[in-house]
C-alpha atoms as a PDB file:
ATOM      1  CA  MET A   1      -9.395 -17.999 -30.606  1.00  0.00           C
ATOM      2  CA  ALA A   2     -11.519 -20.772 -31.318  1.00  0.00           C
ATOM      3  CA  GLY A   3     -10.035 -22.524 -28.587  1.00  0.00           C
ATOM      4  CA  VAL A   4     -10.778 -19.473 -26.515  1.00  0.00           C
ATOM      5  CA  SER A   5     -13.877 -18.821 -27.663  1.00  0.00           C
ATOM      6  CA  ALA A   6     -15.110 -22.578 -26.333  1.00  0.00           C
ATOM      7  CA  LEU A   7     -13.801 -21.821 -23.100  1.00  0.00           C
ATOM      8  CA  LEU A   8     -15.718 -18.770 -22.704  1.00  0.00           C
ATOM      9  CA  GLN A   9     -18.955 -20.172 -23.524  1.00  0.00           C
ATOM     10  CA  PRO A  10     -19.845 -21.095 -20.213  1.00  0.00           C
ATOM     11  CA  LEU A  11     -19.773 -17.695 -18.875  1.00  0.00           C
ATOM     12  CA  TYR A  12     -21.469 -15.843 -21.724  1.00  0.00           C
ATOM     13  CA  ARG A  13     -23.743 -19.190 -20.783  1.00  0.00           C
ATOM     14  CA  LEU A  14     -23.669 -18.480 -16.957  1.00  0.00           C
ATOM     15  CA  GLY A  15     -23.918 -14.220 -17.796  1.00  0.00           C
ATOM     16  CA  ASN A  16     -26.657 -14.650 -19.505  1.00  0.00           C
ATOM     17  CA  VAL A  17     -28.782 -17.329 -17.912  1.00  0.00           C
ATOM     18  CA  SER A  18     -27.830 -13.871 -14.484  1.00  0.00           C
ATOM     19  CA  GLU A  19     -29.160 -10.944 -16.888  1.00  0.00           C
ATOM     20  CA  ALA A  20     -32.395 -13.482 -17.125  1.00  0.00           C
ATOM     21  CA  TYR A  21     -32.693 -14.330 -13.913  1.00  0.00           C
ATOM     22  CA  PHE A  22     -32.592 -10.630 -12.788  1.00  0.00           C
ATOM     23  CA  GLU A  23     -35.156  -9.128 -15.174  1.00  0.00           C
ATOM     24  CA  SER A  24     -37.586 -11.230 -14.423  1.00  0.00           C
ATOM     25  CA  SER A  25     -36.406 -10.902 -10.559  1.00  0.00           C
ATOM     26  CA  TRP A  26     -37.198  -7.517 -11.016  1.00  0.00           C
ATOM     27  CA  ASN A  27     -39.831  -7.457 -13.321  1.00  0.00           C
ATOM     28  CA  TYR A  28     -40.978  -9.457 -10.684  1.00  0.00           C
ATOM     29  CA  MET A  29     -41.252  -6.589  -8.819  1.00  0.00           C
ATOM     30  CA  THR A  30     -42.177  -3.649 -10.305  1.00  0.00           C
ATOM     31  CA  ASP A  31     -45.470  -5.143 -11.407  1.00  0.00           C
ATOM     32  CA  ASN A  32     -46.692  -6.982  -7.541  1.00  0.00           C
ATOM     33  CA  TYR A  33     -44.667  -3.841  -5.365  1.00  0.00           C
ATOM     34  CA  SER A  34     -45.741  -0.029  -4.894  1.00  0.00           C
ATOM     35  CA  LYS A  35     -42.993   2.115  -6.313  1.00  0.00           C
ATOM     36  CA  PHE A  36     -43.260   3.571  -2.339  1.00  0.00           C
ATOM     37  CA  THR A  37     -43.044   0.296  -1.244  1.00  0.00           C
ATOM     38  CA  ILE A  38     -39.815  -0.377  -3.279  1.00  0.00           C
ATOM     39  CA  ALA A  39     -38.871   2.545  -2.781  1.00  0.00           C
ATOM     40  CA  THR A  40     -38.736   2.677   1.228  1.00  0.00           C
ATOM     41  CA  VAL A  41     -39.399  -1.171   2.217  1.00  0.00           C
ATOM     42  CA  PHE A  42     -36.843  -2.641  -0.404  1.00  0.00           C
ATOM     43  CA  SER A  43     -34.432   0.048   0.049  1.00  0.00           C
ATOM     44  CA  ILE A  44     -34.136  -0.141   3.592  1.00  0.00           C
ATOM     45  CA  PHE A  45     -33.866  -4.262   4.097  1.00  0.00           C
ATOM     46  CA  LEU A  46     -30.930  -3.871   1.609  1.00  0.00           C
ATOM     47  CA  HIS A  47     -28.759  -0.997   3.660  1.00  0.00           C
ATOM     48  CA  GLU A  48     -29.431  -2.821   6.486  1.00  0.00           C
ATOM     49  CA  VAL A  49     -28.270  -6.793   4.319  1.00  0.00           C
ATOM     50  CA  VAL A  50     -25.421  -5.303   2.619  1.00  0.00           C
ATOM     51  CA  TYR A  51     -24.812  -3.532   5.930  1.00  0.00           C
ATOM     52  CA  PHE A  52     -24.409  -6.315   8.630  1.00  0.00           C
ATOM     53  CA  GLY A  53     -23.674  -8.775   5.838  1.00  0.00           C
ATOM     54  CA  LEU A  54     -20.041  -6.673   4.925  1.00  0.00           C
ATOM     55  CA  CYS A  55     -19.478  -6.356   8.162  1.00  0.00           C
ATOM     56  CA  PHE A  56     -19.956  -9.793   9.167  1.00  0.00           C
ATOM     57  CA  PRO A  57     -16.979 -11.406   7.242  1.00  0.00           C
ATOM     58  CA  GLY A  58     -15.220  -8.887   9.835  1.00  0.00           C
ATOM     59  CA  PHE A  59     -16.491 -10.227  12.682  1.00  0.00           C
ATOM     60  CA  LEU A  60     -15.520 -13.671  11.756  1.00  0.00           C
ATOM     61  CA  ALA A  61     -11.658 -12.931  11.040  1.00  0.00           C
ATOM     62  CA  GLN A  62     -11.782 -11.764  15.160  1.00  0.00           C
ATOM     63  CA  PHE A  63     -11.025 -15.557  16.214  1.00  0.00           C
ATOM     64  CA  LEU A  64      -9.251 -16.785  12.682  1.00  0.00           C
ATOM     65  CA  PRO A  65      -5.830 -17.258  13.811  1.00  0.00           C
ATOM     66  CA  PHE A  66      -4.592 -16.781  10.574  1.00  0.00           C
ATOM     67  CA  MET A  67      -6.924 -13.610  10.164  1.00  0.00           C
ATOM     68  CA  LYS A  68      -4.162 -12.373  12.146  1.00  0.00           C
ATOM     69  CA  LYS A  69      -1.355 -11.692   9.991  1.00  0.00           C
ATOM     70  CA  PHE A  70      -4.090  -8.915   7.175  1.00  0.00           C
ATOM     71  CA  LYS A  71      -4.764  -7.253  11.159  1.00  0.00           C
ATOM     72  CA  ILE A  72      -2.938  -3.814  10.981  1.00  0.00           C
ATOM     73  CA  GLN A  73      -3.204  -2.723  14.325  1.00  0.00           C
ATOM     74  CA  LYS A  74      -2.568  -6.334  15.951  1.00  0.00           C
ATOM     75  CA  ASP A  75      -1.800  -5.185  19.179  1.00  0.00           C
ATOM     76  CA  LYS A  76      -5.179  -3.875  19.442  1.00  0.00           C
ATOM     77  CA  PRO A  77      -8.091  -6.839  19.324  1.00  0.00           C
ATOM     78  CA  GLU A  78     -11.413  -5.946  19.107  1.00  0.00           C
ATOM     79  CA  THR A  79     -13.472  -6.460  22.467  1.00  0.00           C
ATOM     80  CA  PHE A  80     -17.060  -7.702  22.562  1.00  0.00           C
ATOM     81  CA  ASN A  81     -17.858  -4.291  25.158  1.00  0.00           C
ATOM     82  CA  GLY A  82     -16.432  -2.372  22.900  1.00  0.00           C
ATOM     83  CA  GLN A  83     -17.960  -4.535  19.363  1.00  0.00           C
ATOM     84  CA  TRP A  84     -21.792  -4.243  21.697  1.00  0.00           C
ATOM     85  CA  LYS A  85     -21.315  -0.632  22.152  1.00  0.00           C
ATOM     86  CA  CYS A  86     -21.452   0.095  19.082  1.00  0.00           C
ATOM     87  CA  LEU A  87     -23.815  -2.120  18.165  1.00  0.00           C
ATOM     88  CA  LYS A  88     -26.100  -0.523  19.752  1.00  0.00           C
ATOM     89  CA  LEU A  89     -25.841   2.960  18.395  1.00  0.00           C
ATOM     90  CA  ILE A  90     -25.387   1.453  14.962  1.00  0.00           C
ATOM     91  CA  VAL A  91     -29.133   0.056  14.947  1.00  0.00           C
ATOM     92  CA  PHE A  92     -30.218   4.014  17.019  1.00  0.00           C
ATOM     93  CA  SER A  93     -28.793   5.077  13.543  1.00  0.00           C
ATOM     94  CA  HIS A  94     -30.511   2.351  11.325  1.00  0.00           C
ATOM     95  CA  TYR A  95     -33.987   3.365  12.147  1.00  0.00           C
ATOM     96  CA  CYS A  96     -34.556   6.337  13.695  1.00  0.00           C
ATOM     97  CA  ILE A  97     -31.838   8.773  10.949  1.00  0.00           C
ATOM     98  CA  GLN A  98     -31.556   7.527   8.795  1.00  0.00           C
ATOM     99  CA  LEU A  99     -34.775   5.246   8.108  1.00  0.00           C
ATOM    100  CA  PRO A 100     -36.501   8.274   7.294  1.00  0.00           C
ATOM    101  CA  LEU A 101     -34.146   9.235   4.957  1.00  0.00           C
ATOM    102  CA  ILE A 102     -34.190   6.185   3.040  1.00  0.00           C
ATOM    103  CA  CYS A 103     -37.401   6.985   3.077  1.00  0.00           C
ATOM    104  CA  GLY A 104     -37.008  10.109   1.175  1.00  0.00           C
ATOM    105  CA  ALA A 105     -36.072   8.323  -1.929  1.00  0.00           C
ATOM    106  CA  TYR A 106     -39.468   7.568  -2.229  1.00  0.00           C
ATOM    107  CA  TYR A 107     -40.399  11.248  -2.811  1.00  0.00           C
ATOM    108  CA  TYR A 108     -36.523  11.742  -5.250  1.00  0.00           C
ATOM    109  CA  THR A 109     -38.023   9.578  -7.731  1.00  0.00           C
ATOM    110  CA  ILE A 110     -41.226  11.161  -7.798  1.00  0.00           C
ATOM    111  CA  LEU A 111     -40.629  14.816  -7.358  1.00  0.00           C
ATOM    112  CA  PHE A 112     -37.536  14.371 -10.282  1.00  0.00           C
ATOM    113  CA  ASN A 113     -39.739  11.606 -12.006  1.00  0.00           C
ATOM    114  CA  ILE A 114     -37.150   8.380 -11.514  1.00  0.00           C
ATOM    115  CA  PRO A 115     -37.873   5.789 -13.857  1.00  0.00           C
ATOM    116  CA  TYR A 116     -37.647   2.031 -12.256  1.00  0.00           C
ATOM    117  CA  GLU A 117     -38.568  -0.030 -15.192  1.00  0.00           C
ATOM    118  CA  TYR A 118     -36.476  -2.374 -16.537  1.00  0.00           C
ATOM    119  CA  HIS A 119     -36.370  -1.643 -19.960  1.00  0.00           C
ATOM    120  CA  LEU A 120     -35.605   1.607 -18.926  1.00  0.00           C
ATOM    121  CA  MET A 121     -32.468   1.087 -16.838  1.00  0.00           C
ATOM    122  CA  PRO A 122     -28.800   2.255 -18.059  1.00  0.00           C
ATOM    123  CA  ARG A 123     -25.983  -0.258 -19.401  1.00  0.00           C
ATOM    124  CA  TRP A 124     -23.780  -1.288 -16.860  1.00  0.00           C
ATOM    125  CA  TYR A 125     -21.199   0.734 -18.229  1.00  0.00           C
ATOM    126  CA  ILE A 126     -22.711   3.560 -17.964  1.00  0.00           C
ATOM    127  CA  LEU A 127     -24.244   2.720 -13.939  1.00  0.00           C
ATOM    128  CA  LEU A 128     -19.621   2.403 -13.469  1.00  0.00           C
ATOM    129  CA  ALA A 129     -19.009   5.197 -14.685  1.00  0.00           C
ATOM    130  CA  GLN A 130     -21.972   7.073 -12.958  1.00  0.00           C
ATOM    131  CA  LEU A 131     -20.460   4.759  -9.178  1.00  0.00           C
ATOM    132  CA  PHE A 132     -17.559   5.884  -9.737  1.00  0.00           C
ATOM    133  CA  GLY A 133     -18.350  10.037 -10.242  1.00  0.00           C
ATOM    134  CA  CYS A 134     -20.333   8.837  -6.770  1.00  0.00           C
ATOM    135  CA  LEU A 135     -17.188   7.977  -5.232  1.00  0.00           C
ATOM    136  CA  VAL A 136     -15.561  10.935  -6.151  1.00  0.00           C
ATOM    137  CA  LEU A 137     -18.335  13.604  -5.841  1.00  0.00           C
ATOM    138  CA  GLU A 138     -19.028  11.770  -2.237  1.00  0.00           C
ATOM    139  CA  ASP A 139     -15.346  11.514  -1.634  1.00  0.00           C
ATOM    140  CA  THR A 140     -14.991  15.710  -1.854  1.00  0.00           C
ATOM    141  CA  TRP A 141     -17.704  16.893   0.357  1.00  0.00           C
ATOM    142  CA  HIS A 142     -16.296  14.291   2.902  1.00  0.00           C
ATOM    143  CA  TYR A 143     -12.928  15.462   2.979  1.00  0.00           C
ATOM    144  CA  PHE A 144     -13.712  19.274   3.905  1.00  0.00           C
ATOM    145  CA  LEU A 145     -16.314  18.806   6.056  1.00  0.00           C
ATOM    146  CA  HIS A 146     -14.423  15.435   7.795  1.00  0.00           C
ATOM    147  CA  ARG A 147     -11.927  17.956   8.145  1.00  0.00           C
ATOM    148  CA  LEU A 148     -13.411  21.016   9.198  1.00  0.00           C
ATOM    149  CA  LEU A 149     -15.195  18.155  11.892  1.00  0.00           C
ATOM    150  CA  HIS A 150     -11.765  18.154  13.491  1.00  0.00           C
ATOM    151  CA  HIS A 151     -12.077  21.450  14.730  1.00  0.00           C
ATOM    152  CA  LYS A 152     -11.581  21.004  18.460  1.00  0.00           C
ATOM    153  CA  ILE A 153     -15.120  22.705  19.004  1.00  0.00           C
ATOM    154  CA  LEU A 154     -16.979  20.553  16.245  1.00  0.00           C
ATOM    155  CA  TYR A 155     -14.204  17.259  16.970  1.00  0.00           C
ATOM    156  CA  LYS A 156     -15.473  17.566  21.381  1.00  0.00           C
ATOM    157  CA  HIS A 157     -18.907  17.883  20.462  1.00  0.00           C
ATOM    158  CA  VAL A 158     -19.386  16.186  17.379  1.00  0.00           C
ATOM    159  CA  HIS A 159     -17.023  13.480  15.932  1.00  0.00           C
ATOM    160  CA  LYS A 160     -15.230  12.441  19.305  1.00  0.00           C
ATOM    161  CA  ILE A 161     -17.453  10.322  18.629  1.00  0.00           C
ATOM    162  CA  HIS A 162     -16.469   8.591  15.675  1.00  0.00           C
ATOM    163  CA  HIS A 163     -12.429   8.487  17.694  1.00  0.00           C
ATOM    164  CA  ASN A 164     -14.182   6.464  20.614  1.00  0.00           C
ATOM    165  CA  PHE A 165     -13.027   3.195  18.122  1.00  0.00           C
ATOM    166  CA  GLN A 166      -8.558   4.104  17.648  1.00  0.00           C
ATOM    167  CA  SER A 167      -8.384   1.012  16.119  1.00  0.00           C
ATOM    168  CA  PRO A 168     -11.627   0.648  14.084  1.00  0.00           C
ATOM    169  CA  PHE A 169     -13.623  -2.956  12.467  1.00  0.00           C
ATOM    170  CA  GLY A 170     -16.080  -2.428   9.837  1.00  0.00           C
ATOM    171  CA  MET A 171     -19.513  -2.258  12.420  1.00  0.00           C
ATOM    172  CA  VAL A 172     -17.391   1.543  12.578  1.00  0.00           C
ATOM    173  CA  ALA A 173     -18.135   2.668   9.529  1.00  0.00           C
ATOM    174  CA  GLU A 174     -20.715   4.276  11.211  1.00  0.00           C
ATOM    175  CA  TYR A 175     -20.716   4.792  14.724  1.00  0.00           C
ATOM    176  CA  ALA A 176     -21.062   8.558  14.520  1.00  0.00           C
ATOM    177  CA  HIS A 177     -22.971  11.570  16.195  1.00  0.00           C
ATOM    178  CA  PRO A 178     -26.694  12.510  14.844  1.00  0.00           C
ATOM    179  CA  ILE A 179     -25.296  15.692  13.651  1.00  0.00           C
ATOM    180  CA  GLU A 180     -21.967  14.080  11.607  1.00  0.00           C
ATOM    181  CA  THR A 181     -24.117  11.248   9.887  1.00  0.00           C
ATOM    182  CA  MET A 182     -27.053  14.248   8.519  1.00  0.00           C
ATOM    183  CA  VAL A 183     -23.792  16.243   7.856  1.00  0.00           C
ATOM    184  CA  LEU A 184     -21.312  13.685   5.696  1.00  0.00           C
ATOM    185  CA  GLY A 185     -24.310  11.847   4.616  1.00  0.00           C
ATOM    186  CA  MET A 186     -25.228  14.549   2.571  1.00  0.00           C
ATOM    187  CA  GLY A 187     -22.185  13.984   0.387  1.00  0.00           C
ATOM    188  CA  PHE A 188     -24.133   9.957  -0.786  1.00  0.00           C
ATOM    189  CA  MET A 189     -26.731  12.690  -2.193  1.00  0.00           C
ATOM    190  CA  ILE A 190     -24.524  14.330  -4.430  1.00  0.00           C
ATOM    191  CA  GLY A 191     -23.897  12.310  -6.488  1.00  0.00           C
ATOM    192  CA  ILE A 192     -27.633  11.164  -6.949  1.00  0.00           C
ATOM    193  CA  LEU A 193     -28.753  14.807  -7.927  1.00  0.00           C
ATOM    194  CA  CYS A 194     -26.382  14.930 -10.627  1.00  0.00           C
ATOM    195  CA  PHE A 195     -26.540  10.889 -11.765  1.00  0.00           C
ATOM    196  CA  CYS A 196     -30.086   9.419 -10.655  1.00  0.00           C
ATOM    197  CA  ASN A 197     -31.628   8.534 -13.943  1.00  0.00           C
ATOM    198  CA  HIS A 198     -33.069   5.160 -12.752  1.00  0.00           C
ATOM    199  CA  LEU A 199     -33.896   3.510  -9.078  1.00  0.00           C
ATOM    200  CA  ILE A 200     -31.055   1.177  -9.607  1.00  0.00           C
ATOM    201  CA  LEU A 201     -28.335   3.737  -9.075  1.00  0.00           C
ATOM    202  CA  ILE A 202     -29.729   4.723  -5.983  1.00  0.00           C
ATOM    203  CA  TRP A 203     -28.966   0.897  -4.813  1.00  0.00           C
ATOM    204  CA  ALA A 204     -26.236   0.324  -6.560  1.00  0.00           C
ATOM    205  CA  TRP A 205     -24.459   3.516  -5.213  1.00  0.00           C
ATOM    206  CA  MET A 206     -25.609   2.796  -1.104  1.00  0.00           C
ATOM    207  CA  ALA A 207     -24.618  -0.930  -2.055  1.00  0.00           C
ATOM    208  CA  MET A 208     -21.226   0.637  -3.399  1.00  0.00           C
ATOM    209  CA  ARG A 209     -20.649   2.815  -0.727  1.00  0.00           C
ATOM    210  CA  LEU A 210     -21.656   0.382   2.013  1.00  0.00           C
ATOM    211  CA  LEU A 211     -18.656  -1.728   1.003  1.00  0.00           C
ATOM    212  CA  GLU A 212     -16.185   1.089   0.224  1.00  0.00           C
ATOM    213  CA  THR A 213     -16.305   2.806   4.598  1.00  0.00           C
ATOM    214  CA  ILE A 214     -16.795  -0.991   5.563  1.00  0.00           C
ATOM    215  CA  ASP A 215     -13.463  -1.507   3.471  1.00  0.00           C
ATOM    216  CA  VAL A 216     -11.777   0.985   4.925  1.00  0.00           C
ATOM    217  CA  HIS A 217     -13.160   0.576   8.737  1.00  0.00           C
ATOM    218  CA  SER A 218     -11.974  -2.360   8.605  1.00  0.00           C
ATOM    219  CA  GLY A 219      -8.741  -2.613  10.378  1.00  0.00           C
ATOM    220  CA  TYR A 220      -7.761  -5.600   8.137  1.00  0.00           C
ATOM    221  CA  ASP A 221      -5.739  -5.074   4.332  1.00  0.00           C
ATOM    222  CA  PHE A 222      -5.942  -7.300   2.219  1.00  0.00           C
ATOM    223  CA  PRO A 223      -3.321  -6.091  -0.497  1.00  0.00           C
ATOM    224  CA  TYR A 224      -3.734  -8.305  -3.502  1.00  0.00           C
ATOM    225  CA  LEU A 225      -7.153  -9.168  -2.405  1.00  0.00           C
ATOM    226  CA  ASN A 226      -9.077  -6.591  -2.888  1.00  0.00           C
ATOM    227  CA  PRO A 227     -10.607  -5.175  -5.647  1.00  0.00           C
ATOM    228  CA  LEU A 228     -11.510  -2.299  -4.272  1.00  0.00           C
ATOM    229  CA  ASN A 229      -7.386  -1.149  -5.337  1.00  0.00           C
ATOM    230  CA  LEU A 230      -8.293  -1.762  -8.784  1.00  0.00           C
ATOM    231  CA  ILE A 231      -9.534   1.702  -8.368  1.00  0.00           C
ATOM    232  CA  PRO A 232      -7.697   4.512  -9.349  1.00  0.00           C
ATOM    233  CA  GLY A 233      -6.511   6.542  -6.604  1.00  0.00           C
ATOM    234  CA  TYR A 234      -8.465   4.062  -3.766  1.00  0.00           C
ATOM    235  CA  GLY A 235      -6.681   4.592   0.124  1.00  0.00           C
ATOM    236  CA  GLY A 236      -7.741   2.019   1.302  1.00  0.00           C
ATOM    237  CA  ALA A 237      -8.168   0.166   4.952  1.00  0.00           C
ATOM    238  CA  ARG A 238      -4.467   0.965   5.564  1.00  0.00           C
ATOM    239  CA  PHE A 239      -4.948   4.796   4.682  1.00  0.00           C
ATOM    240  CA  HIS A 240      -7.776   5.273   6.837  1.00  0.00           C
ATOM    241  CA  ASP A 241      -6.464   3.225  10.052  1.00  0.00           C
ATOM    242  CA  PHE A 242      -3.641   5.603  10.293  1.00  0.00           C
ATOM    243  CA  HIS A 243      -6.293   8.154  10.106  1.00  0.00           C
ATOM    244  CA  HIS A 244      -8.637   6.362  13.612  1.00  0.00           C
ATOM    245  CA  LYS A 245      -4.777   5.800  15.150  1.00  0.00           C
ATOM    246  CA  ASN A 246      -3.469   9.356  14.293  1.00  0.00           C
ATOM    247  CA  PHE A 247      -6.604  11.174  15.042  1.00  0.00           C
ATOM    248  CA  ASN A 248      -5.271  14.349  12.312  1.00  0.00           C
ATOM    249  CA  GLY A 249      -4.520  13.832   8.174  1.00  0.00           C
ATOM    250  CA  ASN A 250      -6.148  11.854   6.012  1.00  0.00           C
ATOM    251  CA  TYR A 251      -9.680  13.268   5.937  1.00  0.00           C
ATOM    252  CA  SER A 252     -10.387  11.800   2.419  1.00  0.00           C
ATOM    253  CA  SER A 253     -13.002   8.938   2.360  1.00  0.00           C
ATOM    254  CA  SER A 254     -11.851   6.597  -0.938  1.00  0.00           C
ATOM    255  CA  PHE A 255      -9.211   8.068  -2.553  1.00  0.00           C
ATOM    256  CA  VAL A 256      -5.840   9.871  -1.714  1.00  0.00           C
ATOM    257  CA  TRP A 257      -6.211  13.229  -3.696  1.00  0.00           C
ATOM    258  CA  TRP A 258      -7.129  15.544  -1.992  1.00  0.00           C
ATOM    259  CA  ASP A 259      -5.124  14.243   0.906  1.00  0.00           C
ATOM    260  CA  LYS A 260      -2.236  14.982  -1.046  1.00  0.00           C
ATOM    261  CA  LEU A 261      -2.961  18.127  -2.185  1.00  0.00           C
ATOM    262  CA  PHE A 262      -3.038  19.565   0.667  1.00  0.00           C
ATOM    263  CA  GLY A 263      -0.406  18.357   2.161  1.00  0.00           C
ATOM    264  CA  THR A 264      -2.450  16.507   4.586  1.00  0.00           C
ATOM    265  CA  ASP A 265      -0.533  12.419   4.240  1.00  0.00           C
ATOM    266  CA  ALA A 266       2.539  14.345   5.128  1.00  0.00           C
ATOM    267  CA  GLN A 267       2.198  12.276   8.847  1.00  0.00           C
ATOM    268  CA  TYR A 268       1.580   8.865   7.618  1.00  0.00           C
ATOM    269  CA  LYS A 269       4.068   8.478   4.848  1.00  0.00           C
ATOM    270  CA  GLU A 270       6.097   9.396   7.273  1.00  0.00           C
ATOM    271  CA  TYR A 271       4.522   6.982   8.995  1.00  0.00           C
ATOM    272  CA  VAL A 272       4.401   4.805   6.664  1.00  0.00           C
ATOM    273  CA  LYS A 273       9.008   5.260   5.849  1.00  0.00           C
ATOM    274  CA  SER A 274       9.560   4.394   9.438  1.00  0.00           C
ATOM    275  CA  GLN A 275       7.986   1.208   9.438  1.00  0.00           C
ATOM    276  CA  GLU A 276       9.907   0.737   5.921  1.00  0.00           C
ATOM    277  CA  GLY A 277      12.870   1.393   7.855  1.00  0.00           C
ATOM    278  CA  LYS A 278      11.747  -1.197  10.691  1.00  0.00           C
ATOM    279  CA  ALA A 279      11.403  -3.577   8.496  1.00  0.00           C
ATOM    280  CA  GLU A 280      14.818  -3.138   6.895  1.00  0.00           C
END
């Protein structure tokens, strides 16, 4: 036991240093910036850094030959025109639709007296539980509203834009009609309304949701390297990639539960069996 403890000491020290740095940085932020600036400017900055930061590795992957073995739809590589088309709508969506909604975070925190102070921040395990709850609630909202968007009228005029990319890549995660952005985006707020007891949850949930949606749209599958696969019931990139390839089924955003319950993963199961048969 003494040997194990000695081996873990560097990790303990690193954890303590990281926590102390995070605390001092957070306190500096709350001492020197107004709540309005923190909840608006900092939130927008965080959204952009996380979104494009998470998209960047997938963008680089197309230029690395060894990454092709992880590509799900190997016969449909990304194109410059497709990525440029996607980026233009993403920029419009971020700054004309999502920016005003993100700015609303300030008024939400004031209205519901959500604290900003470090000493009122929930413990890490509470935060993890809250994030899982947010994922479950958003996934439920997403499943039923996403399935509704596949009604022929709504699909033709709204959801078809997102399906312009049959073989998705990371940026496609938020490539959508403004109505879809707002309607499906409402699912993000359900967890906040239910669980939020500190600003940190808004930021952590924003980062978590971006990580999840960019992962499932990435077009790449890393079965043994992706830590998100450790989440019980997580669908992952292959599950959602099939939705873009097939246009129907696999309507959930994060998990496989609702699709299993309603049988909307039937075509996906048949496809997986057919691929396994080819492999044999």
